[in-house]
Amino acid sequence: MYKATAAEVSKLRNTTGAGMMDSKKALEEAEGDFEKAIEILRKKGQKVAAKRADRDSVEGAVIAMVNGDHTKGVIVSLNCETDFVAKNEDFVALAKRLAEMGLESADKDALLNTQIDGITVGEKLSEQTGVIGEKIEIGNFQKIEAPFVNAYIHAGNKIGAVAALSSNVNGAEEVAKEVAMQVAAMNPIALNEDQVDSAVIEKELEIAKDQLRQEGKPENMVENIAKGKLNKFFKENTLVHQAFIKDGKTSVSDYVKSVNPDLEVVGFIRYSL
């Protein structure tokens, strides 16, 4: 029976990331054939992935990233089952690699079919499921393009945000970073009132009217007061109207225009585990 040497086991571990015993068993099963041993480990990963397909991958690393000229931003979350794995340096490094690849991918499916280390990203995740023993998957993929974007990742890789501006003016990098931090902290539901879903608006108006009627307000006043409550809702929940977290006396829109009167926030993306 073939016996794998320590050097061969080490080489296979470094190539695949598999554990020492798994690497040794794969080499011995393959009778020293290195490529066949890699294939055995990958098949093992697929089997583990199938067994864990119904598990919840609620932990992970959220990576927000922009390209070199700050015109594209992406948020990719690499999900796993436990916080222990989520904090592993190799796991976070893989999440960052996937986010970088995501900048050039059209969507999540395109990313999963992109080549990484000689295999597809989808196959890589199955392989890592076998190596780690936990369900590993891309949980979120969002992308945004604009004249200028910047990203922010909250400590611990739990929340990522990207803010988009109307132009690349002097000071845009700092402004976009501040707005991305605002998005991460305050979780706005939309950029402005025009982008709030009509169903959400109808629901808020209905709730406001019900409250006012319960308070005994005259029916002829209910409509106008409800609209006032709706405006307050917009102020608290839409990005450009929210109070700027670093100066509660000014809105996000006013903060942006204080840097350049022609500058506007044109979009954002956010994801939280």
C-alpha atoms as a PDB file:
ATOM      1  CA  MET A   1       0.000   0.000   0.000  1.00  0.00           C
ATOM      2  CA  TYR A   2       1.281   3.467  -0.948  1.00  0.00           C
ATOM      3  CA  LYS A   3       2.461   5.627   1.967  1.00  0.00           C
ATOM      4  CA  ALA A   4       2.447   9.394   1.447  1.00  0.00           C
ATOM      5  CA  THR A   5       5.518  11.312   2.616  1.00  0.00           C
ATOM      6  CA  ALA A   6       5.305  14.358   4.877  1.00  0.00           C
ATOM      7  CA  ALA A   7       6.508  16.569   2.004  1.00  0.00           C
ATOM      8  CA  GLU A   8       3.755  15.291  -0.317  1.00  0.00           C
ATOM      9  CA  VAL A   9       1.098  15.803   2.343  1.00  0.00           C
ATOM     10  CA  SER A  10       2.368  19.327   2.994  1.00  0.00           C
ATOM     11  CA  LYS A  11       2.299  20.171  -0.731  1.00  0.00           C
ATOM     12  CA  LEU A  12      -1.287  18.926  -1.086  1.00  0.00           C
ATOM     13  CA  ARG A  13      -2.392  20.822   2.029  1.00  0.00           C
ATOM     14  CA  ASN A  14      -0.854  24.042   0.699  1.00  0.00           C
ATOM     15  CA  THR A  15      -2.546  23.541  -2.677  1.00  0.00           C
ATOM     16  CA  THR A  16      -6.043  22.686  -1.457  1.00  0.00           C
ATOM     17  CA  GLY A  17      -6.251  23.943   2.130  1.00  0.00           C
ATOM     18  CA  ALA A  18      -7.397  20.484   3.257  1.00  0.00           C
ATOM     19  CA  GLY A  19      -6.465  19.055   6.646  1.00  0.00           C
ATOM     20  CA  MET A  20      -3.378  16.895   7.166  1.00  0.00           C
ATOM     21  CA  MET A  21      -5.229  13.574   7.594  1.00  0.00           C
ATOM     22  CA  ASP A  22      -7.569  14.259   4.672  1.00  0.00           C
ATOM     23  CA  SER A  23      -4.573  15.086   2.471  1.00  0.00           C
ATOM     24  CA  LYS A  24      -2.718  11.945   3.555  1.00  0.00           C
ATOM     25  CA  LYS A  25      -5.754   9.720   2.900  1.00  0.00           C
ATOM     26  CA  ALA A  26      -6.356  11.309  -0.524  1.00  0.00           C
ATOM     27  CA  LEU A  27      -2.729  10.782  -1.595  1.00  0.00           C
ATOM     28  CA  GLU A  28      -2.763   7.174  -0.463  1.00  0.00           C
ATOM     29  CA  GLU A  29      -6.098   6.518  -2.176  1.00  0.00           C
ATOM     30  CA  ALA A  30      -4.654   8.084  -5.339  1.00  0.00           C
ATOM     31  CA  GLU A  31      -1.429   6.040  -4.896  1.00  0.00           C
ATOM     32  CA  GLY A  32       0.690   9.166  -5.060  1.00  0.00           C
ATOM     33  CA  ASP A  33      -1.026  10.758  -8.085  1.00  0.00           C
ATOM     34  CA  PHE A  34      -1.127  14.423  -7.031  1.00  0.00           C
ATOM     35  CA  GLU A  35      -3.840  15.544  -9.496  1.00  0.00           C
ATOM     36  CA  LYS A  36      -6.020  12.558  -8.646  1.00  0.00           C
ATOM     37  CA  ALA A  37      -5.608  13.352  -4.927  1.00  0.00           C
ATOM     38  CA  ILE A  38      -6.836  16.912  -5.578  1.00  0.00           C
ATOM     39  CA  GLU A  39      -9.850  15.490  -7.434  1.00  0.00           C
ATOM     40  CA  ILE A  40     -10.618  13.143  -4.515  1.00  0.00           C
ATOM     41  CA  LEU A  41     -10.555  16.051  -2.061  1.00  0.00           C
ATOM     42  CA  ARG A  42     -12.825  18.129  -4.308  1.00  0.00           C
ATOM     43  CA  LYS A  43     -15.321  15.284  -4.586  1.00  0.00           C
ATOM     44  CA  LYS A  44     -15.218  14.943  -0.816  1.00  0.00           C
ATOM     45  CA  GLY A  45     -16.002  18.665  -0.584  1.00  0.00           C
ATOM     46  CA  GLN A  46     -19.011  18.222  -2.886  1.00  0.00           C
ATOM     47  CA  LYS A  47     -20.295  15.357  -0.718  1.00  0.00           C
ATOM     48  CA  VAL A  48     -19.955  17.459   2.433  1.00  0.00           C
ATOM     49  CA  ALA A  49     -21.661  20.375   0.690  1.00  0.00           C
ATOM     50  CA  ALA A  50     -24.593  18.145  -0.278  1.00  0.00           C
ATOM     51  CA  LYS A  51     -24.922  16.861   3.287  1.00  0.00           C
ATOM     52  CA  ARG A  52     -24.918  20.399   4.701  1.00  0.00           C
ATOM     53  CA  ALA A  53     -27.119  21.991   2.031  1.00  0.00           C
ATOM     54  CA  ASP A  54     -30.021  22.383   4.459  1.00  0.00           C
ATOM     55  CA  ARG A  55     -27.918  24.053   7.159  1.00  0.00           C
ATOM     56  CA  ASP A  56     -28.215  27.796   7.865  1.00  0.00           C
ATOM     57  CA  SER A  57     -25.178  29.878   6.919  1.00  0.00           C
ATOM     58  CA  VAL A  58     -26.044  32.941   9.007  1.00  0.00           C
ATOM     59  CA  GLU A  59     -22.486  33.973   9.901  1.00  0.00           C
ATOM     60  CA  GLY A  60     -19.754  35.145   7.555  1.00  0.00           C
ATOM     61  CA  ALA A  61     -17.786  38.110   6.239  1.00  0.00           C
ATOM     62  CA  VAL A  62     -19.314  41.088   4.421  1.00  0.00           C
ATOM     63  CA  ILE A  63     -16.835  42.796   2.104  1.00  0.00           C
ATOM     64  CA  ALA A  64     -17.527  46.189   0.492  1.00  0.00           C
ATOM     65  CA  MET A  65     -14.971  47.176  -2.141  1.00  0.00           C
ATOM     66  CA  VAL A  66     -14.418  49.690  -4.952  1.00  0.00           C
ATOM     67  CA  ASN A  67     -12.246  49.588  -8.048  1.00  0.00           C
ATOM     68  CA  GLY A  68      -9.138  51.689  -8.582  1.00  0.00           C
ATOM     69  CA  ASP A  69     -10.821  54.726 -10.096  1.00  0.00           C
ATOM     70  CA  HIS A  70     -13.790  54.644  -7.683  1.00  0.00           C
ATOM     71  CA  THR A  71     -16.412  54.164 -10.405  1.00  0.00           C
ATOM     72  CA  LYS A  72     -17.599  50.678  -9.371  1.00  0.00           C
ATOM     73  CA  GLY A  73     -18.544  49.368  -5.962  1.00  0.00           C
ATOM     74  CA  VAL A  74     -19.534  45.889  -4.845  1.00  0.00           C
ATOM     75  CA  ILE A  75     -20.705  44.148  -1.690  1.00  0.00           C
ATOM     76  CA  VAL A  76     -20.165  40.407  -1.417  1.00  0.00           C
ATOM     77  CA  SER A  77     -20.915  38.340   1.666  1.00  0.00           C
ATOM     78  CA  LEU A  78     -19.267  34.967   2.068  1.00  0.00           C
ATOM     79  CA  ASN A  79     -21.462  33.055   4.484  1.00  0.00           C
ATOM     80  CA  CYS A  80     -20.695  30.182   6.838  1.00  0.00           C
ATOM     81  CA  GLU A  81     -22.327  28.508   9.843  1.00  0.00           C
ATOM     82  CA  THR A  82     -20.277  29.768  12.800  1.00  0.00           C
ATOM     83  CA  ASP A  83     -18.639  32.981  13.948  1.00  0.00           C
ATOM     84  CA  PHE A  84     -15.441  30.993  14.606  1.00  0.00           C
ATOM     85  CA  VAL A  85     -15.015  30.296  10.883  1.00  0.00           C
ATOM     86  CA  ALA A  86     -16.167  33.813   9.925  1.00  0.00           C
ATOM     87  CA  LYS A  87     -13.229  35.298  11.852  1.00  0.00           C
ATOM     88  CA  ASN A  88     -10.647  32.950  10.316  1.00  0.00           C
ATOM     89  CA  GLU A  89      -8.004  34.893   8.347  1.00  0.00           C
ATOM     90  CA  ASP A  90      -8.104  32.519   5.360  1.00  0.00           C
ATOM     91  CA  PHE A  91     -11.901  32.734   5.203  1.00  0.00           C
ATOM     92  CA  VAL A  92     -11.836  36.555   5.232  1.00  0.00           C
ATOM     93  CA  ALA A  93      -9.053  36.537   2.622  1.00  0.00           C
ATOM     94  CA  LEU A  94     -11.202  34.362   0.346  1.00  0.00           C
ATOM     95  CA  ALA A  95     -14.157  36.733   0.856  1.00  0.00           C
ATOM     96  CA  LYS A  96     -11.938  39.647  -0.222  1.00  0.00           C
ATOM     97  CA  ARG A  97     -10.765  37.758  -3.315  1.00  0.00           C
ATOM     98  CA  LEU A  98     -14.382  37.088  -4.280  1.00  0.00           C
ATOM     99  CA  ALA A  99     -15.337  40.739  -3.773  1.00  0.00           C
ATOM    100  CA  GLU A 100     -12.441  41.821  -5.988  1.00  0.00           C
ATOM    101  CA  MET A 101     -13.602  39.369  -8.660  1.00  0.00           C
ATOM    102  CA  GLY A 102     -17.149  40.633  -8.151  1.00  0.00           C
ATOM    103  CA  LEU A 103     -16.116  44.087  -9.355  1.00  0.00           C
ATOM    104  CA  GLU A 104     -15.742  42.544 -12.823  1.00  0.00           C
ATOM    105  CA  SER A 105     -18.760  40.200 -12.602  1.00  0.00           C
ATOM    106  CA  ALA A 106     -22.211  41.110 -13.884  1.00  0.00           C
ATOM    107  CA  ASP A 107     -24.076  39.301 -11.112  1.00  0.00           C
ATOM    108  CA  LYS A 108     -23.886  36.489  -8.548  1.00  0.00           C
ATOM    109  CA  ASP A 109     -24.277  33.719 -11.141  1.00  0.00           C
ATOM    110  CA  ALA A 110     -21.476  35.194 -13.242  1.00  0.00           C
ATOM    111  CA  LEU A 111     -19.235  35.320 -10.177  1.00  0.00           C
ATOM    112  CA  LEU A 112     -19.989  31.690  -9.291  1.00  0.00           C
ATOM    113  CA  ASN A 113     -18.920  30.667 -12.807  1.00  0.00           C
ATOM    114  CA  THR A 114     -15.706  32.714 -12.778  1.00  0.00           C
ATOM    115  CA  GLN A 115     -12.432  30.787 -12.613  1.00  0.00           C
ATOM    116  CA  ILE A 116     -10.411  30.794  -9.392  1.00  0.00           C
ATOM    117  CA  ASP A 117      -7.383  28.549  -8.812  1.00  0.00           C
ATOM    118  CA  GLY A 118      -8.219  26.495 -11.920  1.00  0.00           C
ATOM    119  CA  ILE A 119     -11.848  25.807 -10.964  1.00  0.00           C
ATOM    120  CA  THR A 120     -15.063  27.830 -10.803  1.00  0.00           C
ATOM    121  CA  VAL A 121     -15.947  29.878  -7.731  1.00  0.00           C
ATOM    122  CA  GLY A 122     -18.904  27.545  -7.175  1.00  0.00           C
ATOM    123  CA  GLU A 123     -16.582  24.544  -7.160  1.00  0.00           C
ATOM    124  CA  LYS A 124     -14.171  26.410  -4.874  1.00  0.00           C
ATOM    125  CA  LEU A 125     -16.944  26.955  -2.331  1.00  0.00           C
ATOM    126  CA  SER A 126     -17.821  23.242  -2.442  1.00  0.00           C
ATOM    127  CA  GLU A 127     -14.143  22.451  -1.953  1.00  0.00           C
ATOM    128  CA  GLN A 128     -13.919  24.790   1.036  1.00  0.00           C
ATOM    129  CA  THR A 129     -17.072  23.261   2.511  1.00  0.00           C
ATOM    130  CA  GLY A 130     -15.200  19.955   2.508  1.00  0.00           C
ATOM    131  CA  VAL A 131     -12.077  21.509   3.996  1.00  0.00           C
ATOM    132  CA  ILE A 132     -13.837  23.500   6.734  1.00  0.00           C
ATOM    133  CA  GLY A 133     -16.770  21.195   7.390  1.00  0.00           C
ATOM    134  CA  GLU A 134     -19.333  24.000   7.255  1.00  0.00           C
ATOM    135  CA  LYS A 135     -21.725  25.187   4.586  1.00  0.00           C
ATOM    136  CA  ILE A 136     -19.933  27.954   2.644  1.00  0.00           C
ATOM    137  CA  GLU A 137     -21.832  30.074   0.136  1.00  0.00           C
ATOM    138  CA  ILE A 138     -22.126  33.553  -1.341  1.00  0.00           C
ATOM    139  CA  GLY A 139     -25.061  35.019   0.539  1.00  0.00           C
ATOM    140  CA  ASN A 140     -25.220  38.444  -1.065  1.00  0.00           C
ATOM    141  CA  PHE A 141     -24.003  40.155  -4.227  1.00  0.00           C
ATOM    142  CA  GLN A 142     -24.754  43.817  -4.955  1.00  0.00           C
ATOM    143  CA  LYS A 143     -23.065  46.184  -7.358  1.00  0.00           C
ATOM    144  CA  ILE A 144     -23.285  49.896  -8.120  1.00  0.00           C
ATOM    145  CA  GLU A 145     -21.622  52.188 -10.684  1.00  0.00           C
ATOM    146  CA  ALA A 146     -21.422  55.989 -10.582  1.00  0.00           C
ATOM    147  CA  PRO A 147     -19.034  58.890 -11.288  1.00  0.00           C
ATOM    148  CA  PHE A 148     -17.569  58.325  -7.806  1.00  0.00           C
ATOM    149  CA  VAL A 149     -18.128  55.632  -5.177  1.00  0.00           C
ATOM    150  CA  ASN A 150     -16.518  54.724  -1.873  1.00  0.00           C
ATOM    151  CA  ALA A 151     -17.017  51.873   0.571  1.00  0.00           C
ATOM    152  CA  TYR A 152     -17.150  51.245   4.293  1.00  0.00           C
ATOM    153  CA  ILE A 153     -17.010  47.981   6.251  1.00  0.00           C
ATOM    154  CA  HIS A 154     -18.163  47.992   9.856  1.00  0.00           C
ATOM    155  CA  ALA A 155     -15.811  46.402  12.396  1.00  0.00           C
ATOM    156  CA  GLY A 156     -15.950  42.632  12.306  1.00  0.00           C
ATOM    157  CA  ASN A 157     -17.055  42.449   8.643  1.00  0.00           C
ATOM    158  CA  LYS A 158     -20.725  42.315   9.639  1.00  0.00           C
ATOM    159  CA  ILE A 159     -22.031  45.341   7.687  1.00  0.00           C
ATOM    160  CA  GLY A 160     -20.870  46.736   4.369  1.00  0.00           C
ATOM    161  CA  ALA A 161     -21.989  49.861   2.517  1.00  0.00           C
ATOM    162  CA  VAL A 162     -21.120  51.716  -0.685  1.00  0.00           C
ATOM    163  CA  ALA A 163     -22.197  55.314  -1.380  1.00  0.00           C
ATOM    164  CA  ALA A 164     -22.344  56.815  -4.874  1.00  0.00           C
ATOM    165  CA  LEU A 165     -21.859  60.487  -5.780  1.00  0.00           C
ATOM    166  CA  SER A 166     -22.762  62.517  -8.858  1.00  0.00           C
ATOM    167  CA  SER A 167     -19.188  63.566  -9.680  1.00  0.00           C
ATOM    168  CA  ASN A 168     -15.536  63.147  -8.765  1.00  0.00           C
ATOM    169  CA  VAL A 169     -14.861  66.557  -7.242  1.00  0.00           C
ATOM    170  CA  ASN A 170     -12.260  67.636  -4.736  1.00  0.00           C
ATOM    171  CA  GLY A 171     -13.169  66.031  -1.424  1.00  0.00           C
ATOM    172  CA  ALA A 172     -15.379  63.342  -3.003  1.00  0.00           C
ATOM    173  CA  GLU A 173     -13.432  60.479  -1.447  1.00  0.00           C
ATOM    174  CA  GLU A 174     -14.016  61.683   2.117  1.00  0.00           C
ATOM    175  CA  VAL A 175     -17.643  62.626   1.438  1.00  0.00           C
ATOM    176  CA  ALA A 176     -18.462  59.235  -0.087  1.00  0.00           C
ATOM    177  CA  LYS A 177     -16.795  57.467   2.835  1.00  0.00           C
ATOM    178  CA  GLU A 178     -18.787  59.530   5.353  1.00  0.00           C
ATOM    179  CA  VAL A 179     -22.033  58.837   3.510  1.00  0.00           C
ATOM    180  CA  ALA A 180     -21.205  55.116   3.330  1.00  0.00           C
ATOM    181  CA  MET A 181     -20.707  55.169   7.119  1.00  0.00           C
ATOM    182  CA  GLN A 182     -24.100  56.897   7.432  1.00  0.00           C
ATOM    183  CA  VAL A 183     -25.699  54.154   5.333  1.00  0.00           C
ATOM    184  CA  ALA A 184     -24.097  51.429   7.450  1.00  0.00           C
ATOM    185  CA  ALA A 185     -25.166  53.039  10.735  1.00  0.00           C
ATOM    186  CA  MET A 186     -28.657  54.319   9.897  1.00  0.00           C
ATOM    187  CA  ASN A 187     -29.868  51.749   7.350  1.00  0.00           C
ATOM    188  CA  PRO A 188     -32.025  54.047   5.160  1.00  0.00           C
ATOM    189  CA  ILE A 189     -34.786  52.344   3.184  1.00  0.00           C
ATOM    190  CA  ALA A 190     -34.267  54.491   0.072  1.00  0.00           C
ATOM    191  CA  LEU A 191     -32.227  57.368  -1.345  1.00  0.00           C
ATOM    192  CA  ASN A 192     -35.145  59.841  -1.187  1.00  0.00           C
ATOM    193  CA  GLU A 193     -38.951  59.916  -0.968  1.00  0.00           C
ATOM    194  CA  ASP A 194     -39.318  59.291  -4.720  1.00  0.00           C
ATOM    195  CA  GLN A 195     -37.610  55.921  -4.347  1.00  0.00           C
ATOM    196  CA  VAL A 196     -39.722  54.666  -1.436  1.00  0.00           C
ATOM    197  CA  ASP A 197     -41.994  51.827  -2.523  1.00  0.00           C
ATOM    198  CA  SER A 198     -45.589  52.976  -2.961  1.00  0.00           C
ATOM    199  CA  ALA A 199     -46.813  50.086  -0.800  1.00  0.00           C
ATOM    200  CA  VAL A 200     -44.644  51.340   2.067  1.00  0.00           C
ATOM    201  CA  ILE A 201     -46.045  54.875   1.684  1.00  0.00           C
ATOM    202  CA  GLU A 202     -49.641  53.616   1.680  1.00  0.00           C
ATOM    203  CA  LYS A 203     -48.983  51.523   4.781  1.00  0.00           C
ATOM    204  CA  GLU A 204     -47.407  54.453   6.669  1.00  0.00           C
ATOM    205  CA  LEU A 205     -50.318  56.734   5.787  1.00  0.00           C
ATOM    206  CA  GLU A 206     -52.819  54.078   6.890  1.00  0.00           C
ATOM    207  CA  ILE A 207     -51.042  53.611  10.231  1.00  0.00           C
ATOM    208  CA  ALA A 208     -50.861  57.380  10.794  1.00  0.00           C
ATOM    209  CA  LYS A 209     -54.556  57.845  10.032  1.00  0.00           C
ATOM    210  CA  ASP A 210     -55.553  55.006  12.364  1.00  0.00           C
ATOM    211  CA  GLN A 211     -53.474  56.509  15.168  1.00  0.00           C
ATOM    212  CA  LEU A 212     -54.995  59.952  14.632  1.00  0.00           C
ATOM    213  CA  ARG A 213     -58.543  58.595  14.652  1.00  0.00           C
ATOM    214  CA  GLN A 214     -57.811  56.696  17.879  1.00  0.00           C
ATOM    215  CA  GLU A 215     -56.575  59.979  19.347  1.00  0.00           C
ATOM    216  CA  GLY A 216     -59.926  61.554  18.456  1.00  0.00           C
ATOM    217  CA  LYS A 217     -58.676  63.945  15.779  1.00  0.00           C
ATOM    218  CA  PRO A 218     -61.445  65.374  13.526  1.00  0.00           C
ATOM    219  CA  GLU A 219     -61.760  63.526  10.217  1.00  0.00           C
ATOM    220  CA  ASN A 220     -61.221  66.732   8.226  1.00  0.00           C
ATOM    221  CA  MET A 221     -57.779  67.113   9.866  1.00  0.00           C
ATOM    222  CA  VAL A 222     -56.670  63.492   9.613  1.00  0.00           C
ATOM    223  CA  GLU A 223     -55.443  63.650   5.998  1.00  0.00           C
ATOM    224  CA  ASN A 224     -53.183  66.693   6.460  1.00  0.00           C
ATOM    225  CA  ILE A 225     -51.738  65.522   9.776  1.00  0.00           C
ATOM    226  CA  ALA A 226     -51.069  62.075   8.285  1.00  0.00           C
ATOM    227  CA  LYS A 227     -49.124  63.717   5.438  1.00  0.00           C
ATOM    228  CA  GLY A 228     -47.055  65.560   8.027  1.00  0.00           C
ATOM    229  CA  LYS A 229     -46.259  62.249   9.746  1.00  0.00           C
ATOM    230  CA  LEU A 230     -45.300  60.806   6.371  1.00  0.00           C
ATOM    231  CA  ASN A 231     -42.833  63.658   5.801  1.00  0.00           C
ATOM    232  CA  LYS A 232     -41.302  62.882   9.188  1.00  0.00           C
ATOM    233  CA  PHE A 233     -41.028  59.233   8.119  1.00  0.00           C
ATOM    234  CA  PHE A 234     -39.170  60.303   4.952  1.00  0.00           C
ATOM    235  CA  LYS A 235     -36.828  62.479   7.008  1.00  0.00           C
ATOM    236  CA  GLU A 236     -35.927  59.615   9.315  1.00  0.00           C
ATOM    237  CA  ASN A 237     -35.716  56.837   6.743  1.00  0.00           C
ATOM    238  CA  THR A 238     -34.443  58.228   3.435  1.00  0.00           C
ATOM    239  CA  LEU A 239     -30.720  58.823   3.117  1.00  0.00           C
ATOM    240  CA  VAL A 240     -30.541  62.377   1.786  1.00  0.00           C
ATOM    241  CA  HIS A 241     -33.030  63.673   4.367  1.00  0.00           C
ATOM    242  CA  GLN A 242     -31.604  61.861   7.397  1.00  0.00           C
ATOM    243  CA  ALA A 243     -29.770  63.869  10.045  1.00  0.00           C
ATOM    244  CA  PHE A 244     -26.038  63.535   9.380  1.00  0.00           C
ATOM    245  CA  ILE A 245     -24.622  61.302  12.126  1.00  0.00           C
ATOM    246  CA  LYS A 246     -21.637  63.593  12.730  1.00  0.00           C
ATOM    247  CA  ASP A 247     -23.771  66.741  12.948  1.00  0.00           C
ATOM    248  CA  GLY A 248     -27.414  66.212  13.873  1.00  0.00           C
ATOM    249  CA  LYS A 249     -28.265  69.800  12.927  1.00  0.00           C
ATOM    250  CA  THR A 250     -27.727  69.197   9.197  1.00  0.00           C
ATOM    251  CA  SER A 251     -29.073  66.645   6.724  1.00  0.00           C
ATOM    252  CA  VAL A 252     -26.915  64.303   4.673  1.00  0.00           C
ATOM    253  CA  SER A 253     -27.802  66.260   1.537  1.00  0.00           C
ATOM    254  CA  ASP A 254     -26.765  69.563   3.138  1.00  0.00           C
ATOM    255  CA  TYR A 255     -23.500  68.021   4.369  1.00  0.00           C
ATOM    256  CA  VAL A 256     -22.679  66.851   0.834  1.00  0.00           C
ATOM    257  CA  LYS A 257     -23.479  70.261  -0.653  1.00  0.00           C
ATOM    258  CA  SER A 258     -21.340  71.996   1.969  1.00  0.00           C
ATOM    259  CA  VAL A 259     -18.351  70.359   0.294  1.00  0.00           C
ATOM    260  CA  ASN A 260     -19.504  71.215  -3.222  1.00  0.00           C
ATOM    261  CA  PRO A 261     -22.879  72.851  -4.053  1.00  0.00           C
ATOM    262  CA  ASP A 262     -23.226  70.777  -7.233  1.00  0.00           C
ATOM    263  CA  LEU A 263     -22.491  67.450  -5.529  1.00  0.00           C
ATOM    264  CA  GLU A 264     -25.298  64.943  -4.873  1.00  0.00           C
ATOM    265  CA  VAL A 265     -25.720  61.450  -3.517  1.00  0.00           C
ATOM    266  CA  VAL A 266     -27.093  59.371  -6.397  1.00  0.00           C
ATOM    267  CA  GLY A 267     -27.287  55.906  -4.864  1.00  0.00           C
ATOM    268  CA  PHE A 268     -26.138  53.413  -2.274  1.00  0.00           C
ATOM    269  CA  ILE A 269     -26.021  49.713  -1.469  1.00  0.00           C
ATOM    270  CA  ARG A 270     -25.883  48.069   1.963  1.00  0.00           C
ATOM    271  CA  TYR A 271     -25.822  44.586   3.393  1.00  0.00           C
ATOM    272  CA  SER A 272     -25.849  43.315   6.956  1.00  0.00           C
ATOM    273  CA  LEU A 273     -25.532  39.781   8.278  1.00  0.00           C
END
